Amino acid sequence: MNDKELVARHAASWVEDGMLVGLGTGSTADCFIGELARRRKEEGLQVTAVASSVISAIKARALGLPLVALEQVARLDLYVDGADEVTPELTLLKGRGADLVREKLLATAADRFLVLVDGSKLVSRIGERFAVPVEVMPFAWQMVKRRLESLGGSGDLRPNAAKDGLAVTSHGSLVLDMAFAPALDAETLDNLLCRTPGVVEHGIFRGLASAVLVAADGLVEERWAAVR
């Protein structure tokens, strides 16, 4: 069992009968979906899921997990997803998969948000390894980009996987991948991005994680937030 499978199994052990569980997107989230389906089949676990992306919904449905649409959900018991970066304060950087709106909705609506990572995702500050994804209204991207450049940001629109067009989110938005100077901390960036007209959502998840589960060398470390 590799680290991703180990941390996914650890997270799945938190799921109890009758829970509504949010499913993240990505390779580690895939492992969690598989483990949840295994528990349902082998242990008779009664669980309902809501997916953060079409990809996760397809995988869950193929494995026999009962799904409800996001439109039907006001709250959920548990949301489990990965992250691209995690700081010591448990601030997250997410969004390389470009489902920011759905992911932040589920993270905010969940009673408990578990984040599954390995040690390579631990950083000292947000933006240390990756640009900050900023989801923008298509007609506003140039004005948003200019605004973020005036704040010291640099970057451009994200291309699609084939590199022959632009990436479009499930919400129908474009994505600016922006790098910022280390002097701009996550709280400052979060506030600046939230106050920028034309920004639909961004990849800084601050004060949302209940716990980060870190897998390394066959062990799982639980890092719990003081307050959520």
Protein backbone atom coordinates (compact mmCIF):
# COMPACT_ATOMS: atom_id res chain seq x y z
CA MET A 1 0.00 0.00 0.00
CA ASN A 2 1.50 3.35 -1.06
CA ASP A 3 1.20 6.61 0.91
CA LYS A 4 -1.80 7.85 -1.09
CA GLU A 5 -3.70 4.63 -0.46
CA LEU A 6 -2.69 4.68 3.20
CA VAL A 7 -3.91 8.22 3.87
CA ALA A 8 -7.10 7.56 1.88
CA ARG A 9 -7.87 4.51 4.02
CA HIS A 10 -7.19 6.53 7.17
CA ALA A 11 -9.62 9.24 6.03
CA ALA A 12 -12.27 6.70 5.03
CA SER A 13 -12.19 5.28 8.57
CA TRP A 14 -13.78 8.56 9.74
CA VAL A 15 -16.91 7.93 7.65
CA GLU A 16 -19.92 6.65 9.59
CA ASP A 17 -23.31 5.26 8.57
CA GLY A 18 -25.73 7.87 7.29
CA MET A 19 -23.12 10.48 6.41
CA LEU A 20 -23.26 12.76 3.40
CA VAL A 21 -19.67 12.89 2.14
CA GLY A 22 -18.10 15.30 -0.33
CA LEU A 23 -15.66 13.78 -2.81
CA GLY A 24 -12.64 15.75 -3.93
CA THR A 25 -10.78 15.55 -7.22
CA GLY A 26 -7.30 14.24 -8.01
CA SER A 27 -5.20 11.13 -7.52
CA THR A 28 -5.41 11.04 -3.72
CA ALA A 29 -9.14 11.80 -3.79
CA ASP A 30 -9.50 8.92 -6.26
CA CYS A 31 -7.97 6.59 -3.68
CA PHE A 32 -10.45 7.84 -1.08
CA ILE A 33 -13.39 7.25 -3.45
CA GLY A 34 -12.15 3.71 -4.05
CA GLU A 35 -11.77 3.03 -0.32
CA LEU A 36 -15.22 4.45 0.42
CA ALA A 37 -16.72 2.17 -2.24
CA ARG A 38 -14.84 -0.80 -0.76
CA ARG A 39 -16.25 -0.10 2.70
CA ARG A 40 -19.76 0.18 1.27
CA LYS A 41 -19.43 -3.16 -0.55
CA GLU A 42 -17.57 -5.16 2.11
CA GLU A 43 -18.86 -3.58 5.34
CA GLY A 44 -22.33 -2.45 4.27
CA LEU A 45 -21.51 1.19 5.02
CA GLN A 46 -24.56 3.37 4.34
CA VAL A 47 -23.26 6.57 2.78
CA THR A 48 -24.31 9.17 0.21
CA ALA A 49 -21.81 11.25 -1.74
CA VAL A 50 -21.66 14.57 -3.56
CA ALA A 51 -18.84 15.14 -6.07
CA SER A 52 -16.70 18.24 -6.58
CA SER A 53 -16.21 17.48 -10.29
CA VAL A 54 -17.62 15.51 -13.21
CA ILE A 55 -14.54 13.25 -13.11
CA SER A 56 -15.12 12.32 -9.47
CA ALA A 57 -18.84 11.81 -10.09
CA ILE A 58 -18.11 9.38 -12.93
CA LYS A 59 -15.64 7.39 -10.81
CA ALA A 60 -17.99 7.26 -7.82
CA ARG A 61 -20.92 6.17 -9.93
CA ALA A 62 -18.84 3.47 -11.62
CA LEU A 63 -17.92 2.08 -8.18
CA GLY A 64 -21.54 2.05 -7.03
CA LEU A 65 -21.55 4.98 -4.61
CA PRO A 66 -24.95 6.71 -4.33
CA LEU A 67 -24.69 10.33 -5.47
CA VAL A 68 -26.75 13.46 -4.99
CA ALA A 69 -26.39 16.62 -7.07
CA LEU A 70 -24.61 19.65 -5.64
CA GLU A 71 -27.82 21.63 -6.16
CA GLN A 72 -29.55 19.41 -3.57
CA VAL A 73 -26.97 19.99 -0.82
CA ALA A 74 -27.12 22.69 1.87
CA ARG A 75 -24.60 21.08 4.23
CA LEU A 76 -22.60 17.88 4.46
CA ASP A 77 -20.97 15.89 7.23
CA LEU A 78 -17.53 15.45 5.72
CA TYR A 79 -15.54 16.68 2.72
CA VAL A 80 -12.30 14.93 1.74
CA ASP A 81 -9.89 16.35 -0.82
CA GLY A 82 -6.22 16.94 -1.53
CA ALA A 83 -4.23 20.17 -1.79
CA ASP A 84 -1.32 21.51 -3.83
CA GLU A 85 0.27 23.34 -0.88
CA VAL A 86 -0.28 23.32 2.89
CA THR A 87 1.27 25.85 5.30
CA PRO A 88 1.98 25.28 9.01
CA GLU A 89 -1.25 27.22 9.77
CA LEU A 90 -3.17 24.73 7.56
CA THR A 91 -3.89 27.31 4.89
CA LEU A 92 -4.25 25.50 1.56
CA LEU A 93 -3.54 26.23 -2.06
CA LYS A 94 -5.90 24.39 -4.40
CA GLY A 95 -7.20 24.73 -7.91
CA ARG A 96 -4.78 23.13 -10.33
CA GLY A 97 -7.77 21.01 -11.34
CA ALA A 98 -9.83 24.17 -11.96
CA ASP A 99 -12.92 23.30 -9.91
CA LEU A 100 -12.48 26.10 -7.38
CA VAL A 101 -16.11 27.12 -6.97
CA ARG A 102 -17.37 23.60 -6.27
CA GLU A 103 -14.43 22.74 -4.03
CA LYS A 104 -14.72 25.85 -1.88
CA LEU A 105 -18.50 25.46 -1.64
CA LEU A 106 -18.11 21.92 -0.32
CA ALA A 107 -15.23 22.85 2.00
CA THR A 108 -17.31 25.66 3.51
CA ALA A 109 -20.52 23.65 3.80
CA ALA A 110 -18.90 20.61 5.46
CA ASP A 111 -18.97 20.08 9.21
CA ARG A 112 -15.48 18.61 8.83
CA PHE A 113 -12.98 19.08 5.98
CA LEU A 114 -10.14 16.55 5.82
CA VAL A 115 -7.18 17.29 3.54
CA LEU A 116 -5.04 14.39 2.31
CA VAL A 117 -1.41 15.09 1.31
CA ASP A 118 2.10 13.71 1.38
CA GLY A 119 5.14 15.53 2.71
CA SER A 120 5.95 17.14 -0.64
CA LYS A 121 2.89 19.40 -0.28
CA LEU A 122 4.09 21.04 2.95
CA VAL A 123 5.39 24.59 2.42
CA SER A 124 6.29 27.60 4.52
CA ARG A 125 4.02 29.99 2.60
CA ILE A 126 1.27 29.93 -0.01
CA GLY A 127 2.65 30.30 -3.53
CA GLU A 128 6.03 28.83 -2.63
CA ARG A 129 5.86 26.16 -5.35
CA PHE A 130 2.81 26.97 -7.44
CA ALA A 131 1.09 30.03 -8.84
CA VAL A 132 -2.20 31.04 -7.22
CA PRO A 133 -5.16 30.07 -9.44
CA VAL A 134 -7.63 32.92 -9.86
CA GLU A 135 -10.93 32.06 -11.53
CA VAL A 136 -12.24 35.04 -13.50
CA MET A 137 -15.28 36.02 -15.54
CA PRO A 138 -14.29 35.62 -19.20
CA PHE A 139 -15.12 39.22 -20.14
CA ALA A 140 -13.21 40.61 -17.17
CA TRP A 141 -9.91 38.74 -17.35
CA GLN A 142 -7.82 41.59 -18.77
CA MET A 143 -9.02 44.06 -16.13
CA VAL A 144 -8.45 41.52 -13.36
CA LYS A 145 -4.98 40.70 -14.68
CA ARG A 146 -4.04 44.38 -14.78
CA ARG A 147 -5.34 44.86 -11.23
CA LEU A 148 -3.34 41.90 -9.93
CA GLU A 149 -0.23 43.11 -11.77
CA SER A 150 -0.60 46.45 -9.99
CA LEU A 151 -0.44 44.49 -6.72
CA GLY A 152 2.83 42.86 -7.77
CA GLY A 153 1.41 39.74 -9.38
CA SER A 154 2.65 38.18 -12.59
CA GLY A 155 1.12 35.46 -14.73
CA ASP A 156 -1.30 34.72 -17.53
CA LEU A 157 -4.34 32.73 -18.56
CA ARG A 158 -4.05 28.98 -18.11
CA PRO A 159 -3.94 27.01 -21.38
CA ASN A 160 -5.98 23.85 -21.82
CA ALA A 161 -4.38 20.41 -21.68
CA ALA A 162 -3.86 20.27 -25.45
CA LYS A 163 -2.22 23.72 -25.45
CA ASP A 164 -4.46 24.79 -28.32
CA GLY A 165 -6.85 26.97 -26.34
CA LEU A 166 -7.69 28.18 -22.85
CA ALA A 167 -8.68 26.17 -19.79
CA VAL A 168 -12.35 26.63 -18.87
CA THR A 169 -13.64 25.71 -15.42
CA SER A 170 -16.81 23.75 -14.67
CA HIS A 171 -18.31 27.13 -13.79
CA GLY A 172 -17.51 28.42 -17.30
CA SER A 173 -14.75 30.76 -16.15
CA LEU A 174 -11.16 31.32 -17.23
CA VAL A 175 -8.18 30.84 -14.89
CA LEU A 176 -5.30 33.25 -14.30
CA ASP A 177 -2.30 31.54 -12.71
CA MET A 178 -0.61 34.36 -10.78
CA ALA A 179 2.63 34.44 -8.80
CA PHE A 180 3.02 36.99 -6.01
CA ALA A 181 5.95 38.25 -3.97
CA PRO A 182 6.64 36.43 -0.67
CA ALA A 183 5.87 39.66 1.21
CA LEU A 184 2.17 39.18 0.40
CA ASP A 185 1.00 36.65 2.98
CA ALA A 186 -2.00 34.35 2.49
CA GLU A 187 -4.39 36.49 4.56
CA THR A 188 -3.50 39.65 2.61
CA LEU A 189 -3.78 37.85 -0.73
CA ASP A 190 -7.08 36.26 0.25
CA ASN A 191 -8.57 39.64 1.13
CA LEU A 192 -7.17 41.36 -1.99
CA LEU A 193 -8.49 38.69 -4.34
CA CYS A 194 -11.91 38.62 -2.68
CA ARG A 195 -12.18 42.39 -3.14
CA THR A 196 -11.20 42.37 -6.82
CA PRO A 197 -14.22 42.75 -9.16
CA GLY A 198 -14.37 40.06 -11.83
CA VAL A 199 -12.82 37.37 -9.63
CA VAL A 200 -15.21 34.42 -9.28
CA GLU A 201 -13.06 32.44 -6.84
CA HIS A 202 -9.41 31.80 -6.01
CA GLY A 203 -7.25 28.93 -4.80
CA ILE A 204 -6.39 30.12 -1.27
CA PHE A 205 -8.41 28.09 1.26
CA ARG A 206 -7.84 29.84 4.58
CA GLY A 207 -9.46 28.73 7.83
CA LEU A 208 -11.39 25.92 6.14
CA ALA A 209 -9.42 22.73 6.86
CA SER A 210 -10.44 20.82 9.98
CA ALA A 211 -7.39 18.60 9.72
CA VAL A 212 -4.57 17.78 7.33
CA LEU A 213 -3.58 14.12 7.14
CA VAL A 214 0.06 13.79 6.05
CA ALA A 215 1.28 10.43 4.75
CA ALA A 216 4.98 9.60 4.88
CA ASP A 217 6.95 6.35 5.06
CA GLY A 218 3.94 4.21 5.83
CA LEU A 219 2.58 6.43 8.60
CA VAL A 220 -0.18 9.08 8.76
CA GLU A 221 0.22 12.22 10.85
CA GLU A 222 -2.93 14.15 11.79
CA ARG A 223 -2.56 17.94 12.00
CA TRP A 224 -5.71 19.47 13.47
CA ALA A 225 -6.74 23.10 13.20
CA ALA A 226 -7.14 24.91 16.51
CA VAL A 227 -10.40 26.58 15.42
CA ARG A 228 -12.54 26.20 12.34
